[in-house]
PDB file of all heavy atoms in Angstrom:
ATOM      1  N   GLY A   1       0.779  -1.261   0.040  1.00  0.00           N
ATOM      2  CA  GLY A   1      -0.012   0.072   0.032  1.00  0.00           C
ATOM      3  C   GLY A   1       0.860   1.252   0.043  1.00  0.00           C
ATOM      4  O   GLY A   1       2.101   1.263   0.233  1.00  0.00           O
ATOM      5  N   TYR A   2       0.097   2.355  -0.325  1.00  0.00           N
ATOM      6  CA  TYR A   2       0.724   3.687  -0.272  1.00  0.00           C
ATOM      7  C   TYR A   2      -0.271   4.648   0.406  1.00  0.00           C
ATOM      8  O   TYR A   2      -1.505   4.538   0.162  1.00  0.00           O
ATOM      9  CB  TYR A   2       1.023   4.126  -1.719  1.00  0.00           C
ATOM     10  CG  TYR A   2       1.404   5.707  -1.824  1.00  0.00           C
ATOM     11  CD1 TYR A   2       2.647   6.114  -1.436  1.00  0.00           C
ATOM     12  CD2 TYR A   2       0.335   6.536  -2.202  1.00  0.00           C
ATOM     13  CE1 TYR A   2       2.804   7.464  -1.457  1.00  0.00           C
ATOM     14  CE2 TYR A   2       0.641   7.934  -2.397  1.00  0.00           C
ATOM     15  CZ  TYR A   2       1.923   8.438  -1.903  1.00  0.00           C
ATOM     16  OH  TYR A   2       2.102   9.737  -2.054  1.00  0.00           O
ATOM     17  N   LYS A   3       0.176   5.537   1.266  1.00  0.00           N
ATOM     18  CA  LYS A   3      -0.678   6.525   1.884  1.00  0.00           C
ATOM     19  C   LYS A   3       0.088   7.833   1.904  1.00  0.00           C
ATOM     20  O   LYS A   3       1.233   8.014   2.220  1.00  0.00           O
ATOM     21  CB  LYS A   3      -0.840   6.138   3.279  1.00  0.00           C
ATOM     22  CG  LYS A   3      -1.800   7.203   3.987  1.00  0.00           C
ATOM     23  CD  LYS A   3      -2.198   6.575   5.424  1.00  0.00           C
ATOM     24  CE  LYS A   3      -1.295   6.627   6.409  1.00  0.00           C
ATOM     25  NZ  LYS A   3      -1.817   6.242   7.792  1.00  0.00           N
ATOM     26  N   MET A   4      -0.589   8.958   1.650  1.00  0.00           N
ATOM     27  CA  MET A   4      -0.195  10.245   1.543  1.00  0.00           C
ATOM     28  C   MET A   4      -1.119  11.074   2.573  1.00  0.00           C
ATOM     29  O   MET A   4      -2.266  11.054   2.479  1.00  0.00           O
ATOM     30  CB  MET A   4      -0.286  10.899   0.094  1.00  0.00           C
ATOM     31  CG  MET A   4       0.293  12.264   0.053  1.00  0.00           C
ATOM     32  SD  MET A   4       0.410  12.994  -1.727  1.00  0.00           S
ATOM     33  CE  MET A   4      -1.297  12.720  -2.188  1.00  0.00           C
ATOM     34  N   LEU A   5      -0.455  11.739   3.519  1.00  0.00           N
ATOM     35  CA  LEU A   5      -1.151  12.442   4.517  1.00  0.00           C
ATOM     36  C   LEU A   5      -0.798  13.880   4.710  1.00  0.00           C
ATOM     37  O   LEU A   5       0.446  14.027   4.782  1.00  0.00           O
ATOM     38  CB  LEU A   5      -0.952  11.741   5.991  1.00  0.00           C
ATOM     39  CG  LEU A   5      -1.764  12.392   7.102  1.00  0.00           C
ATOM     40  CD1 LEU A   5      -3.236  12.391   6.897  1.00  0.00           C
ATOM     41  CD2 LEU A   5      -1.400  11.612   8.406  1.00  0.00           C
ATOM     42  N   ASP A   6      -1.707  14.810   4.668  1.00  0.00           N
ATOM     43  CA  ASP A   6      -1.199  16.222   4.814  1.00  0.00           C
ATOM     44  C   ASP A   6      -2.358  16.774   5.726  1.00  0.00           C
ATOM     45  O   ASP A   6      -3.417  17.313   5.230  1.00  0.00           O
ATOM     46  CB  ASP A   6      -1.240  16.964   3.390  1.00  0.00           C
ATOM     47  CG  ASP A   6      -0.794  18.449   3.577  1.00  0.00           C
ATOM     48  OD1 ASP A   6      -0.460  18.835   4.700  1.00  0.00           O
ATOM     49  OD2 ASP A   6      -0.762  19.046   2.511  1.00  0.00           O
ATOM     50  N   GLN A   7      -2.075  16.747   7.013  1.00  0.00           N
ATOM     51  CA  GLN A   7      -3.165  17.255   7.946  1.00  0.00           C
ATOM     52  C   GLN A   7      -2.376  17.652   9.173  1.00  0.00           C
ATOM     53  O   GLN A   7      -1.457  17.040   9.630  1.00  0.00           O
ATOM     54  CB  GLN A   7      -4.034  16.003   8.267  1.00  0.00           C
ATOM     55  CG  GLN A   7      -5.229  16.378   9.137  1.00  0.00           C
ATOM     56  CD  GLN A   7      -6.362  15.482   9.103  1.00  0.00           C
ATOM     57  OE1 GLN A   7      -5.980  14.119   8.993  1.00  0.00           O
ATOM     58  NE2 GLN A   7      -7.580  15.632   9.256  1.00  0.00           N
ATOM     59  N   ASN A   8      -3.046  18.569   9.872  1.00  0.00           N
ATOM     60  CA  ASN A   8      -2.370  19.302  11.030  1.00  0.00           C
ATOM     61  C   ASN A   8      -0.925  19.609  10.621  1.00  0.00           C
ATOM     62  O   ASN A   8      -0.715  20.353   9.824  1.00  0.00           O
ATOM     63  CB  ASN A   8      -2.409  18.330  12.284  1.00  0.00           C
ATOM     64  CG  ASN A   8      -3.937  18.153  12.624  1.00  0.00           C
ATOM     65  OD1 ASN A   8      -4.819  18.895  12.329  1.00  0.00           O
ATOM     66  ND2 ASN A   8      -4.119  17.064  13.536  1.00  0.00           N
ATOM     67  N   ASP A   9      -0.004  19.133  11.415  1.00  0.00           N
ATOM     68  CA  ASP A   9       1.412  19.401  11.177  1.00  0.00           C
ATOM     69  C   ASP A   9       2.186  18.244  10.613  1.00  0.00           C
ATOM     70  O   ASP A   9       3.352  18.095  10.759  1.00  0.00           O
ATOM     71  CB  ASP A   9       2.107  19.902  12.568  1.00  0.00           C
ATOM     72  CG  ASP A   9       1.507  20.990  13.178  1.00  0.00           C
ATOM     73  OD1 ASP A   9       1.077  21.970  12.412  1.00  0.00           O
ATOM     74  OD2 ASP A   9       1.277  21.068  14.452  1.00  0.00           O
ATOM     75  N   THR A  10       1.294  17.383   9.880  1.00  0.00           N
ATOM     76  CA  THR A  10       2.021  16.233   9.347  1.00  0.00           C
ATOM     77  C   THR A  10       1.815  16.246   7.754  1.00  0.00           C
ATOM     78  O   THR A  10       0.730  16.559   7.271  1.00  0.00           O
ATOM     79  CB  THR A  10       1.145  14.885   9.814  1.00  0.00           C
ATOM     80  OG1 THR A  10       1.233  14.814  11.275  1.00  0.00           O
ATOM     81  CG2 THR A  10       1.779  13.557   9.207  1.00  0.00           C
ATOM     82  N   ASP A  11       2.959  15.991   7.125  1.00  0.00           N
ATOM     83  CA  ASP A  11       2.929  15.995   5.723  1.00  0.00           C
ATOM     84  C   ASP A  11       3.900  14.843   5.310  1.00  0.00           C
ATOM     85  O   ASP A  11       5.086  14.984   5.150  1.00  0.00           O
ATOM     86  CB  ASP A  11       3.384  17.234   5.033  1.00  0.00           C
ATOM     87  CG  ASP A  11       3.375  17.416   3.497  1.00  0.00           C
ATOM     88  OD1 ASP A  11       2.934  16.307   2.956  1.00  0.00           O
ATOM     89  OD2 ASP A  11       3.558  18.338   2.820  1.00  0.00           O
ATOM     90  N   THR A  12       3.488  13.640   5.054  1.00  0.00           N
ATOM     91  CA  THR A  12       4.209  12.409   4.839  1.00  0.00           C
ATOM     92  C   THR A  12       3.760  11.518   3.617  1.00  0.00           C
ATOM     93  O   THR A  12       2.603  11.678   3.187  1.00  0.00           O
ATOM     94  CB  THR A  12       4.133  11.585   6.115  1.00  0.00           C
ATOM     95  OG1 THR A  12       2.878  11.114   6.444  1.00  0.00           O
ATOM     96  CG2 THR A  12       4.704  12.372   7.306  1.00  0.00           C
ATOM     97  N   ASP A  13       4.619  10.753   3.153  1.00  0.00           N
ATOM     98  CA  ASP A  13       4.426   9.645   2.176  1.00  0.00           C
ATOM     99  C   ASP A  13       4.836   8.433   2.795  1.00  0.00           C
ATOM    100  O   ASP A  13       5.971   8.388   3.475  1.00  0.00           O
ATOM    101  CB  ASP A  13       5.158   9.984   1.004  1.00  0.00           C
ATOM    102  CG  ASP A  13       4.649  11.181   0.207  1.00  0.00           C
ATOM    103  OD1 ASP A  13       3.652  10.981  -0.480  1.00  0.00           O
ATOM    104  OD2 ASP A  13       5.235  12.274   0.324  1.00  0.00           O
ATOM    105  N   GLN A  14       4.034   7.353   2.710  1.00  0.00           N
ATOM    106  CA  GLN A  14       4.344   6.117   3.318  1.00  0.00           C
ATOM    107  C   GLN A  14       4.145   4.857   2.328  1.00  0.00           C
ATOM    108  O   GLN A  14       3.053   5.023   1.722  1.00  0.00           O
ATOM    109  CB  GLN A  14       3.485   5.955   4.627  1.00  0.00           C
ATOM    110  CG  GLN A  14       3.675   4.588   5.262  1.00  0.00           C
ATOM    111  CD  GLN A  14       2.787   4.369   6.435  1.00  0.00           C
ATOM    112  OE1 GLN A  14       1.692   5.154   6.554  1.00  0.00           O
ATOM    113  NE2 GLN A  14       3.069   3.523   7.308  1.00  0.00           N
ATOM    114  N   TYR A  15       4.963   4.021   2.203  1.00  0.00           N
ATOM    115  CA  TYR A  15       5.035   2.799   1.457  1.00  0.00           C
ATOM    116  C   TYR A  15       5.017   1.644   2.284  1.00  0.00           C
ATOM    117  O   TYR A  15       5.898   1.553   3.232  1.00  0.00           O
ATOM    118  CB  TYR A  15       5.989   2.737   0.375  1.00  0.00           C
ATOM    119  CG  TYR A  15       6.038   3.877  -0.556  1.00  0.00           C
ATOM    120  CD1 TYR A  15       6.646   5.050  -0.271  1.00  0.00           C
ATOM    121  CD2 TYR A  15       5.379   3.798  -1.829  1.00  0.00           C
ATOM    122  CE1 TYR A  15       6.650   6.175  -1.192  1.00  0.00           C
ATOM    123  CE2 TYR A  15       5.384   4.819  -2.746  1.00  0.00           C
ATOM    124  CZ  TYR A  15       6.009   6.063  -2.427  1.00  0.00           C
ATOM    125  OH  TYR A  15       6.035   7.103  -3.273  1.00  0.00           O
ATOM    126  N   VAL A  16       4.146   0.646   2.175  1.00  0.00           N
ATOM    127  CA  VAL A  16       4.168  -0.480   3.091  1.00  0.00           C
ATOM    128  C   VAL A  16       4.047  -1.768   2.279  1.00  0.00           C
ATOM    129  O   VAL A  16       3.311  -1.903   1.262  1.00  0.00           O
ATOM    130  CB  VAL A  16       2.905  -0.412   4.015  1.00  0.00           C
ATOM    131  CG1 VAL A  16       2.766  -1.719   4.792  1.00  0.00           C
ATOM    132  CG2 VAL A  16       3.007   0.700   4.829  1.00  0.00           C
ATOM    133  N   LEU A  17       4.770  -2.755   2.602  1.00  0.00           N
ATOM    134  CA  LEU A  17       4.621  -4.206   2.105  1.00  0.00           C
ATOM    135  C   LEU A  17       4.690  -5.215   3.313  1.00  0.00           C
ATOM    136  O   LEU A  17       5.599  -5.114   4.037  1.00  0.00           O
ATOM    137  CB  LEU A  17       5.791  -4.437   1.147  1.00  0.00           C
ATOM    138  CG  LEU A  17       5.755  -5.850   0.478  1.00  0.00           C
ATOM    139  CD1 LEU A  17       4.625  -6.139  -0.251  1.00  0.00           C
ATOM    140  CD2 LEU A  17       7.072  -6.054  -0.345  1.00  0.00           C
ATOM    141  N   SER A  18       3.708  -5.967   3.417  1.00  0.00           N
ATOM    142  CA  SER A  18       3.673  -6.949   4.605  1.00  0.00           C
ATOM    143  C   SER A  18       3.352  -8.310   4.027  1.00  0.00           C
ATOM    144  O   SER A  18       2.607  -8.639   3.175  1.00  0.00           O
ATOM    145  CB  SER A  18       2.792  -6.543   5.522  1.00  0.00           C
ATOM    146  OG  SER A  18       1.407  -6.576   5.186  1.00  0.00           O
ATOM    147  N   PHE A  19       3.853  -9.345   4.860  1.00  0.00           N
ATOM    148  CA  PHE A  19       3.634 -10.792   4.710  1.00  0.00           C
ATOM    149  C   PHE A  19       3.068 -11.238   6.024  1.00  0.00           C
ATOM    150  O   PHE A  19       3.601 -11.087   7.045  1.00  0.00           O
ATOM    151  CB  PHE A  19       4.898 -11.514   4.326  1.00  0.00           C
ATOM    152  CG  PHE A  19       5.428 -11.099   3.010  1.00  0.00           C
ATOM    153  CD1 PHE A  19       6.395 -10.086   3.127  1.00  0.00           C
ATOM    154  CD2 PHE A  19       5.311 -11.765   1.798  1.00  0.00           C
ATOM    155  CE1 PHE A  19       7.053  -9.522   1.918  1.00  0.00           C
ATOM    156  CE2 PHE A  19       5.820 -11.359   0.713  1.00  0.00           C
ATOM    157  CZ  PHE A  19       6.801 -10.153   0.672  1.00  0.00           C
ATOM    158  N   ASN A  20       1.854 -11.890   5.825  1.00  0.00           N
ATOM    159  CA  ASN A  20       1.012 -12.165   7.128  1.00  0.00           C
ATOM    160  C   ASN A  20       0.552 -13.547   6.998  1.00  0.00           C
ATOM    161  O   ASN A  20       0.022 -14.039   6.129  1.00  0.00           O
ATOM    162  CB  ASN A  20      -0.239 -11.228   7.142  1.00  0.00           C
ATOM    163  CG  ASN A  20       0.099  -9.738   6.780  1.00  0.00           C
ATOM    164  OD1 ASN A  20       0.728  -9.014   7.593  1.00  0.00           O
ATOM    165  ND2 ASN A  20      -0.149  -9.352   5.505  1.00  0.00           N
ATOM    166  N   ARG A  21       0.559 -14.215   8.294  1.00  0.00           N
ATOM    167  CA  ARG A  21       0.079 -15.474   8.415  1.00  0.00           C
ATOM    168  C   ARG A  21      -1.111 -15.431   9.432  1.00  0.00           C
ATOM    169  O   ARG A  21      -0.992 -14.812  10.590  1.00  0.00           O
ATOM    170  CB  ARG A  21       1.120 -16.418   8.825  1.00  0.00           C
ATOM    171  CG  ARG A  21       0.601 -17.781   9.199  1.00  0.00           C
ATOM    172  CD  ARG A  21       0.401 -18.558   7.911  1.00  0.00           C
ATOM    173  NE  ARG A  21       0.265 -20.021   8.129  1.00  0.00           N
ATOM    174  CZ  ARG A  21      -0.846 -20.649   8.467  1.00  0.00           C
ATOM    175  NH1 ARG A  21      -1.941 -19.898   8.647  1.00  0.00           N
ATOM    176  NH2 ARG A  21      -0.897 -21.907   8.626  1.00  0.00           N
ATOM    177  N   HIS A  22      -2.287 -15.772   9.166  1.00  0.00           N
ATOM    178  CA  HIS A  22      -3.512 -15.652  10.055  1.00  0.00           C
ATOM    179  C   HIS A  22      -4.007 -16.968  10.488  1.00  0.00           C
ATOM    180  O   HIS A  22      -4.145 -17.881   9.628  1.00  0.00           O
ATOM    181  CB  HIS A  22      -4.663 -14.902   9.096  1.00  0.00           C
ATOM    182  CG  HIS A  22      -4.250 -13.806   8.482  1.00  0.00           C
ATOM    183  ND1 HIS A  22      -4.204 -12.428   9.119  1.00  0.00           N
ATOM    184  CD2 HIS A  22      -3.626 -13.436   7.273  1.00  0.00           C
ATOM    185  CE1 HIS A  22      -3.807 -11.590   8.143  1.00  0.00           C
ATOM    186  NE2 HIS A  22      -3.415 -12.239   7.095  1.00  0.00           N
ATOM    187  N   TRP A  23      -4.473 -17.139  11.727  1.00  0.00           N
ATOM    188  CA  TRP A  23      -5.177 -18.304  12.249  1.00  0.00           C
ATOM    189  C   TRP A  23      -6.236 -17.746  13.116  1.00  0.00           C
ATOM    190  O   TRP A  23      -6.166 -16.839  13.890  1.00  0.00           O
ATOM    191  CB  TRP A  23      -4.285 -19.039  13.247  1.00  0.00           C
ATOM    192  CG  TRP A  23      -2.974 -19.644  12.598  1.00  0.00           C
ATOM    193  CD1 TRP A  23      -2.865 -20.988  12.180  1.00  0.00           C
ATOM    194  CD2 TRP A  23      -1.740 -19.023  12.463  1.00  0.00           C
ATOM    195  NE1 TRP A  23      -1.597 -21.203  11.817  1.00  0.00           N
ATOM    196  CE2 TRP A  23      -0.773 -20.090  12.048  1.00  0.00           C
ATOM    197  CE3 TRP A  23      -1.157 -17.914  12.983  1.00  0.00           C
ATOM    198  CZ2 TRP A  23       0.488 -19.855  11.798  1.00  0.00           C
ATOM    199  CZ3 TRP A  23       0.134 -17.637  12.761  1.00  0.00           C
ATOM    200  CH2 TRP A  23       0.952 -18.573  12.091  1.00  0.00           C
ATOM    201  N   LEU A  24      -7.399 -18.389  12.913  1.00  0.00           N
ATOM    202  CA  LEU A  24      -8.654 -18.298  13.888  1.00  0.00           C
ATOM    203  C   LEU A  24      -8.425 -19.208  14.940  1.00  0.00           C
ATOM    204  O   LEU A  24      -8.540 -20.445  14.694  1.00  0.00           O
ATOM    205  CB  LEU A  24      -9.914 -18.357  13.102  1.00  0.00           C
ATOM    206  CG  LEU A  24     -11.154 -17.989  13.909  1.00  0.00           C
ATOM    207  CD1 LEU A  24     -11.192 -16.549  14.305  1.00  0.00           C
ATOM    208  CD2 LEU A  24     -12.498 -18.369  13.237  1.00  0.00           C
ATOM    209  N   LEU A  25      -8.368 -18.819  16.202  1.00  0.00           N
ATOM    210  CA  LEU A  25      -8.058 -19.695  17.324  1.00  0.00           C
ATOM    211  C   LEU A  25      -9.454 -20.306  17.828  1.00  0.00           C
ATOM    212  O   LEU A  25     -10.618 -19.749  17.523  1.00  0.00           O
ATOM    213  CB  LEU A  25      -7.466 -18.952  18.444  1.00  0.00           C
ATOM    214  CG  LEU A  25      -6.175 -18.255  18.054  1.00  0.00           C
ATOM    215  CD1 LEU A  25      -5.506 -17.605  19.275  1.00  0.00           C
ATOM    216  CD2 LEU A  25      -5.164 -19.330  17.486  1.00  0.00           C
ATOM    217  N   ASP A  26      -9.418 -21.289  18.668  1.00  0.00           N
ATOM    218  CA  ASP A  26     -10.563 -21.902  19.095  1.00  0.00           C
ATOM    219  C   ASP A  26     -11.512 -20.963  19.938  1.00  0.00           C
ATOM    220  O   ASP A  26     -12.632 -21.132  20.108  1.00  0.00           O
ATOM    221  CB  ASP A  26     -10.094 -23.027  20.021  1.00  0.00           C
ATOM    222  CG  ASP A  26      -9.506 -24.240  19.294  1.00  0.00           C
ATOM    223  OD1 ASP A  26      -9.870 -24.283  18.056  1.00  0.00           O
ATOM    224  OD2 ASP A  26      -8.809 -24.969  19.911  1.00  0.00           O
ATOM    225  N   ASN A  27     -10.915 -19.802  20.550  1.00  0.00           N
ATOM    226  CA  ASN A  27     -11.727 -18.935  21.303  1.00  0.00           C
ATOM    227  C   ASN A  27     -12.274 -17.738  20.354  1.00  0.00           C
ATOM    228  O   ASN A  27     -12.610 -16.718  20.910  1.00  0.00           O
ATOM    229  CB  ASN A  27     -10.916 -18.410  22.482  1.00  0.00           C
ATOM    230  CG  ASN A  27      -9.572 -17.717  21.956  1.00  0.00           C
ATOM    231  OD1 ASN A  27      -9.299 -17.566  20.814  1.00  0.00           O
ATOM    232  ND2 ASN A  27      -8.716 -17.402  22.977  1.00  0.00           N
ATOM    233  N   ASN A  28     -12.153 -18.040  19.088  1.00  0.00           N
ATOM    234  CA  ASN A  28     -12.603 -17.032  18.058  1.00  0.00           C
ATOM    235  C   ASN A  28     -11.689 -15.656  17.977  1.00  0.00           C
ATOM    236  O   ASN A  28     -12.126 -14.734  17.412  1.00  0.00           O
ATOM    237  CB  ASN A  28     -13.966 -16.542  18.272  1.00  0.00           C
ATOM    238  CG  ASN A  28     -14.939 -17.762  17.881  1.00  0.00           C
ATOM    239  OD1 ASN A  28     -14.688 -18.488  16.856  1.00  0.00           O
ATOM    240  ND2 ASN A  28     -16.029 -17.874  18.632  1.00  0.00           N
ATOM    241  N   TRP A  29     -10.539 -15.623  18.485  1.00  0.00           N
ATOM    242  CA  TRP A  29      -9.480 -14.565  18.367  1.00  0.00           C
ATOM    243  C   TRP A  29      -8.841 -14.900  17.074  1.00  0.00           C
ATOM    244  O   TRP A  29      -8.498 -16.049  16.835  1.00  0.00           O
ATOM    245  CB  TRP A  29      -8.599 -14.445  19.526  1.00  0.00           C
ATOM    246  CG  TRP A  29      -9.269 -13.786  20.650  1.00  0.00           C
ATOM    247  CD1 TRP A  29     -10.261 -14.403  21.567  1.00  0.00           C
ATOM    248  CD2 TRP A  29      -9.206 -12.409  21.041  1.00  0.00           C
ATOM    249  NE1 TRP A  29     -10.553 -13.397  22.476  1.00  0.00           N
ATOM    250  CE2 TRP A  29      -9.946 -12.296  22.214  1.00  0.00           C
ATOM    251  CE3 TRP A  29      -8.390 -11.445  20.472  1.00  0.00           C
ATOM    252  CZ2 TRP A  29      -9.987 -11.030  22.946  1.00  0.00           C
ATOM    253  CZ3 TRP A  29      -8.491 -10.078  21.186  1.00  0.00           C
ATOM    254  CH2 TRP A  29      -9.240  -9.961  22.454  1.00  0.00           C
ATOM    255  N   LEU A  30      -8.525 -13.929  16.268  1.00  0.00           N
ATOM    256  CA  LEU A  30      -7.720 -13.966  15.020  1.00  0.00           C
ATOM    257  C   LEU A  30      -6.251 -13.689  15.379  1.00  0.00           C
ATOM    258  O   LEU A  30      -5.990 -12.516  15.903  1.00  0.00           O
ATOM    259  CB  LEU A  30      -8.250 -13.089  13.963  1.00  0.00           C
ATOM    260  CG  LEU A  30      -7.370 -13.168  12.619  1.00  0.00           C
ATOM    261  CD1 LEU A  30      -7.679 -14.556  11.948  1.00  0.00           C
ATOM    262  CD2 LEU A  30      -7.963 -12.060  11.671  1.00  0.00           C
ATOM    263  N   ARG A  31      -5.488 -14.609  15.250  1.00  0.00           N
ATOM    264  CA  ARG A  31      -4.031 -14.331  15.480  1.00  0.00           C
ATOM    265  C   ARG A  31      -3.201 -14.194  14.230  1.00  0.00           C
ATOM    266  O   ARG A  31      -3.329 -14.909  13.345  1.00  0.00           O
ATOM    267  CB  ARG A  31      -3.369 -15.553  16.309  1.00  0.00           C
ATOM    268  CG  ARG A  31      -1.898 -15.415  16.566  1.00  0.00           C
ATOM    269  CD  ARG A  31      -1.260 -16.525  17.313  1.00  0.00           C
ATOM    270  NE  ARG A  31      -1.459 -17.763  16.542  1.00  0.00           N
ATOM    271  CZ  ARG A  31      -1.285 -19.010  17.133  1.00  0.00           C
ATOM    272  NH1 ARG A  31      -1.082 -19.164  18.412  1.00  0.00           N
ATOM    273  NH2 ARG A  31      -1.379 -20.054  16.272  1.00  0.00           N
ATOM    274  N   THR A  32      -2.451 -13.039  14.062  1.00  0.00           N
ATOM    275  CA  THR A  32      -1.672 -12.787  12.933  1.00  0.00           C
ATOM    276  C   THR A  32      -0.217 -12.692  13.148  1.00  0.00           C
ATOM    277  O   THR A  32       0.074 -11.793  14.179  1.00  0.00           O
ATOM    278  CB  THR A  32      -2.186 -11.485  12.211  1.00  0.00           C
ATOM    279  OG1 THR A  32      -3.633 -11.721  11.860  1.00  0.00           O
ATOM    280  CG2 THR A  32      -1.442 -11.297  10.973  1.00  0.00           C
ATOM    281  N   ILE A  33       0.615 -13.274  12.580  1.00  0.00           N
ATOM    282  CA  ILE A  33       2.047 -13.050  12.703  1.00  0.00           C
ATOM    283  C   ILE A  33       2.533 -12.483  11.445  1.00  0.00           C
ATOM    284  O   ILE A  33       2.127 -12.914  10.421  1.00  0.00           O
ATOM    285  CB  ILE A  33       2.810 -14.355  13.000  1.00  0.00           C
ATOM    286  CG1 ILE A  33       2.489 -14.889  14.406  1.00  0.00           C
ATOM    287  CG2 ILE A  33       4.342 -14.209  12.955  1.00  0.00           C
ATOM    288  CD1 ILE A  33       3.045 -16.348  14.725  1.00  0.00           C
ATOM    289  N   TYR A  34       3.395 -11.359  11.454  1.00  0.00           N
ATOM    290  CA  TYR A  34       3.594 -10.673  10.230  1.00  0.00           C
ATOM    291  C   TYR A  34       5.015 -10.053  10.277  1.00  0.00           C
ATOM    292  O   TYR A  34       5.671  -9.997  11.286  1.00  0.00           O
ATOM    293  CB  TYR A  34       2.587  -9.626  10.066  1.00  0.00           C
ATOM    294  CG  TYR A  34       2.491  -8.529  11.111  1.00  0.00           C
ATOM    295  CD1 TYR A  34       3.371  -7.369  11.097  1.00  0.00           C
ATOM    296  CD2 TYR A  34       1.635  -8.559  12.261  1.00  0.00           C
ATOM    297  CE1 TYR A  34       3.383  -6.390  12.150  1.00  0.00           C
ATOM    298  CE2 TYR A  34       1.652  -7.721  13.148  1.00  0.00           C
ATOM    299  CZ  TYR A  34       2.541  -6.551  13.246  1.00  0.00           C
ATOM    300  OH  TYR A  34       2.496  -5.591  14.048  1.00  0.00           O
ATOM    301  N   ILE A  35       5.486  -9.770   9.131  1.00  0.00           N
ATOM    302  CA  ILE A  35       6.556  -8.959   9.005  1.00  0.00           C
ATOM    303  C   ILE A  35       6.368  -7.837   7.924  1.00  0.00           C
ATOM    304  O   ILE A  35       5.802  -8.111   6.859  1.00  0.00           O
ATOM    305  CB  ILE A  35       7.814  -9.774   8.555  1.00  0.00           C
ATOM    306  CG1 ILE A  35       9.201  -8.974   8.498  1.00  0.00           C
ATOM    307  CG2 ILE A  35       7.637 -10.526   7.261  1.00  0.00           C
ATOM    308  CD1 ILE A  35      10.483  -9.734   8.562  1.00  0.00           C
ATOM    309  N   ARG A  36       6.600  -6.587   8.286  1.00  0.00           N
ATOM    310  CA  ARG A  36       6.237  -5.472   7.447  1.00  0.00           C
ATOM    311  C   ARG A  36       7.447  -4.572   7.154  1.00  0.00           C
ATOM    312  O   ARG A  36       8.167  -4.276   8.067  1.00  0.00           O
ATOM    313  CB  ARG A  36       5.081  -4.638   8.209  1.00  0.00           C
ATOM    314  CG  ARG A  36       4.547  -3.507   7.385  1.00  0.00           C
ATOM    315  CD  ARG A  36       3.466  -2.929   8.129  1.00  0.00           C
ATOM    316  NE  ARG A  36       3.777  -1.862   9.021  1.00  0.00           N
ATOM    317  CZ  ARG A  36       3.793  -1.940  10.318  1.00  0.00           C
ATOM    318  NH1 ARG A  36       3.125  -2.988  10.897  1.00  0.00           N
ATOM    319  NH2 ARG A  36       4.293  -1.007  11.158  1.00  0.00           N
ATOM    320  N   TYR A  37       7.334  -4.239   5.940  1.00  0.00           N
ATOM    321  CA  TYR A  37       8.466  -3.302   5.539  1.00  0.00           C
ATOM    322  C   TYR A  37       7.763  -1.931   5.383  1.00  0.00           C
ATOM    323  O   TYR A  37       6.806  -1.767   4.743  1.00  0.00           O
ATOM    324  CB  TYR A  37       9.046  -3.522   4.103  1.00  0.00           C
ATOM    325  CG  TYR A  37       9.934  -2.566   3.558  1.00  0.00           C
ATOM    326  CD1 TYR A  37      11.273  -2.187   4.112  1.00  0.00           C
ATOM    327  CD2 TYR A  37       9.530  -1.756   2.501  1.00  0.00           C
ATOM    328  CE1 TYR A  37      11.997  -1.254   3.642  1.00  0.00           C
ATOM    329  CE2 TYR A  37      10.385  -0.666   1.970  1.00  0.00           C
ATOM    330  CZ  TYR A  37      11.609  -0.492   2.533  1.00  0.00           C
ATOM    331  OH  TYR A  37      12.377   0.577   2.036  1.00  0.00           O
ATOM    332  N   ASP A  38       8.181  -0.831   6.182  1.00  0.00           N
ATOM    333  CA  ASP A  38       7.546   0.475   6.242  1.00  0.00           C
ATOM    334  C   ASP A  38       8.622   1.495   5.939  1.00  0.00           C
ATOM    335  O   ASP A  38       9.635   1.629   6.550  1.00  0.00           O
ATOM    336  CB  ASP A  38       7.059   0.623   7.698  1.00  0.00           C
ATOM    337  CG  ASP A  38       6.169   1.808   7.729  1.00  0.00           C
ATOM    338  OD1 ASP A  38       6.541   2.908   7.351  1.00  0.00           O
ATOM    339  OD2 ASP A  38       5.150   1.731   8.362  1.00  0.00           O
ATOM    340  N   LYS A  39       8.374   2.062   4.796  1.00  0.00           N
ATOM    341  CA  LYS A  39       9.224   3.232   4.284  1.00  0.00           C
ATOM    342  C   LYS A  39       8.381   4.585   4.324  1.00  0.00           C
ATOM    343  O   LYS A  39       7.358   4.515   3.786  1.00  0.00           O
ATOM    344  CB  LYS A  39       9.823   3.005   2.883  1.00  0.00           C
ATOM    345  CG  LYS A  39      10.708   4.113   2.469  1.00  0.00           C
ATOM    346  CD  LYS A  39      11.295   3.804   1.158  1.00  0.00           C
ATOM    347  CE  LYS A  39      12.153   5.056   0.644  1.00  0.00           C
ATOM    348  NZ  LYS A  39      13.221   5.449   1.586  1.00  0.00           N
ATOM    349  N   GLU A  40       8.850   5.493   5.232  1.00  0.00           N
ATOM    350  CA  GLU A  40       8.079   6.726   5.371  1.00  0.00           C
ATOM    351  C   GLU A  40       9.036   7.847   5.398  1.00  0.00           C
ATOM    352  O   GLU A  40      10.144   7.930   5.959  1.00  0.00           O
ATOM    353  CB  GLU A  40       7.341   6.608   6.801  1.00  0.00           C
ATOM    354  CG  GLU A  40       6.399   7.705   6.939  1.00  0.00           C
ATOM    355  CD  GLU A  40       5.418   7.509   8.167  1.00  0.00           C
ATOM    356  OE1 GLU A  40       5.460   6.358   8.623  1.00  0.00           O
ATOM    357  OE2 GLU A  40       4.808   8.551   8.642  1.00  0.00           O
ATOM    358  N   SER A  41       8.617   9.019   4.736  1.00  0.00           N
ATOM    359  CA  SER A  41       9.367  10.194   4.731  1.00  0.00           C
ATOM    360  C   SER A  41       8.544  11.443   4.669  1.00  0.00           C
ATOM    361  O   SER A  41       7.244  11.312   4.308  1.00  0.00           O
ATOM    362  CB  SER A  41      10.195  10.305   3.430  1.00  0.00           C
ATOM    363  OG  SER A  41       9.561  10.171   2.273  1.00  0.00           O
ATOM    364  N   GLY A  42       8.929  12.444   5.146  1.00  0.00           N
ATOM    365  CA  GLY A  42       8.095  13.739   5.090  1.00  0.00           C
ATOM    366  C   GLY A  42       8.469  14.769   6.284  1.00  0.00           C
ATOM    367  O   GLY A  42       9.610  14.631   6.824  1.00  0.00           O
ATOM    368  N   VAL A  43       7.578  15.433   6.685  1.00  0.00           N
ATOM    369  CA  VAL A  43       7.660  16.595   7.573  1.00  0.00           C
ATOM    370  C   VAL A  43       6.698  16.335   8.890  1.00  0.00           C
ATOM    371  O   VAL A  43       5.469  16.156   8.562  1.00  0.00           O
ATOM    372  CB  VAL A  43       7.605  17.921   7.201  1.00  0.00           C
ATOM    373  CG1 VAL A  43       7.768  19.001   8.182  1.00  0.00           C
ATOM    374  CG2 VAL A  43       8.570  18.080   5.977  1.00  0.00           C
TER     375      VAL A  43
END
């Protein structure tokens, strides 16, 4: 994904790439183990 934000005192660009493994547990909670690359720049 990509996000561009210009609000209040924030002006940033963000790029994200993630790999996720999801399990629904017996108690109906969703557990997710992930690794995410997050590149962000701005003011």
